[in-house]
Protein backbone atom coordinates (compact mmCIF):
# COMPACT_ATOMS: atom_id res chain seq x y z
CA MET A 1 13.05 -4.96 -3.64
CA THR A 2 9.92 -6.69 -2.32
CA THR A 3 6.40 -5.39 -2.65
CA GLU A 4 6.24 -4.60 1.07
CA GLN A 5 9.63 -2.91 1.10
CA SER A 6 8.51 -0.66 -1.82
CA ILE A 7 5.34 0.32 0.01
CA ILE A 8 7.14 1.02 3.21
CA ASN A 9 9.67 3.18 1.38
CA HIS A 10 6.82 5.12 -0.28
CA ILE A 11 5.00 5.61 2.99
CA ALA A 12 8.23 6.83 4.69
CA LYS A 13 9.03 9.13 1.91
CA VAL A 14 5.58 10.65 1.33
CA LEU A 15 3.87 10.50 4.72
CA LEU A 16 6.63 10.34 7.35
CA ASP A 17 9.36 12.74 6.04
CA GLY A 18 11.57 9.95 5.10
CA ASP A 19 11.59 8.36 8.57
CA SER A 20 10.71 4.58 8.50
CA ASP A 21 11.74 3.88 12.06
CA GLY A 22 9.14 1.65 13.60
CA LEU A 23 7.32 1.08 10.35
CA ASP A 24 6.95 -2.58 9.32
CA SER A 25 4.68 -4.75 7.33
CA GLU A 26 2.21 -5.16 10.30
CA THR A 27 2.15 -1.44 11.62
CA PRO A 28 -1.57 -0.57 11.96
CA LEU A 29 -1.45 2.49 9.63
CA THR A 30 -4.98 3.69 9.96
CA GLU A 31 -5.16 3.04 13.63
CA LEU A 32 -2.01 5.14 14.20
CA ASN A 33 -3.29 7.87 11.97
CA ILE A 34 -0.32 7.32 9.65
CA ILE A 35 -2.68 7.29 6.66
CA ASP A 36 -6.09 8.92 6.25
CA SER A 37 -8.60 8.77 3.34
CA ALA A 38 -6.32 11.08 1.19
CA GLY A 39 -3.31 8.98 2.10
CA ILE A 40 -5.14 5.86 0.85
CA PHE A 41 -5.80 7.50 -2.46
CA ASP A 42 -2.07 8.43 -2.68
CA LEU A 43 -1.31 4.77 -1.97
CA VAL A 44 -3.81 3.66 -4.61
CA HIS A 45 -1.97 5.75 -7.21
CA HIS A 46 1.42 4.44 -6.00
CA LEU A 47 0.25 0.77 -6.24
CA GLN A 48 -1.18 1.29 -9.69
CA SER A 49 1.87 2.99 -11.11
CA GLU A 50 4.61 0.99 -9.28
CA PHE A 51 3.04 -2.48 -9.72
CA ARG A 52 1.06 -1.93 -12.81
CA VAL A 53 -2.26 -3.01 -11.48
CA THR A 54 -5.66 -1.46 -11.48
CA VAL A 55 -7.24 -1.05 -8.10
CA PRO A 56 -11.01 -1.24 -8.55
CA LEU A 57 -13.02 1.12 -6.31
CA PRO A 58 -14.52 -1.63 -4.26
CA GLU A 59 -10.94 -2.75 -3.17
CA VAL A 60 -10.28 0.74 -1.91
CA SER A 61 -11.26 -0.16 1.72
CA PRO A 62 -9.72 0.49 5.20
CA GLU A 63 -9.13 -3.25 5.42
CA ASN A 64 -6.93 -3.44 2.39
CA PHE A 65 -4.88 -0.44 3.41
CA ALA A 66 -4.69 -1.14 7.17
CA THR A 67 -1.14 -2.52 6.92
CA VAL A 68 1.68 -2.85 4.47
CA SER A 69 1.04 -6.58 4.53
CA ALA A 70 -2.60 -6.03 3.60
CA MET A 71 -1.53 -3.78 0.63
CA ALA A 72 1.00 -6.32 -0.50
CA ALA A 73 -1.63 -9.03 -0.44
CA LEU A 74 -3.96 -6.75 -2.38
CA VAL A 75 -1.28 -6.22 -5.08
CA ASP A 76 -0.62 -10.03 -5.35
CA ARG A 77 -4.29 -10.71 -5.64
CA LEU A 78 -4.87 -7.96 -8.25
CA ARG A 79 -1.77 -9.30 -10.28
CA GLU A 80 -3.28 -12.78 -10.30
CA ASP A 81 -6.73 -11.54 -11.17
CA GLN A 82 -5.39 -9.20 -13.88
CA GLY A 83 -3.28 -11.69 -15.73
CA GLY A 84 -0.33 -12.52 -13.71
CA ALA A 85 2.75 -10.79 -12.38
CA ARG A 86 4.05 -8.04 -14.56
């Protein structure tokens, strides 16, 4: 499973009652009020546990959580910064 698909599955399960219809890697999550600040912190926890990365507080920004694609890019960048893919 790709990073993006894992994130989509988590969002659908936790925030959309299991319904991922219309949710893709470029869906504007914050603009559509799919996630709010509490949802971002849930996603931070998911990224840290699922992908074994540490998300530093400065990286917890609306830009990094605006789309699934942005979150996947964040995970990739953190993996690289923190010693490679795990």
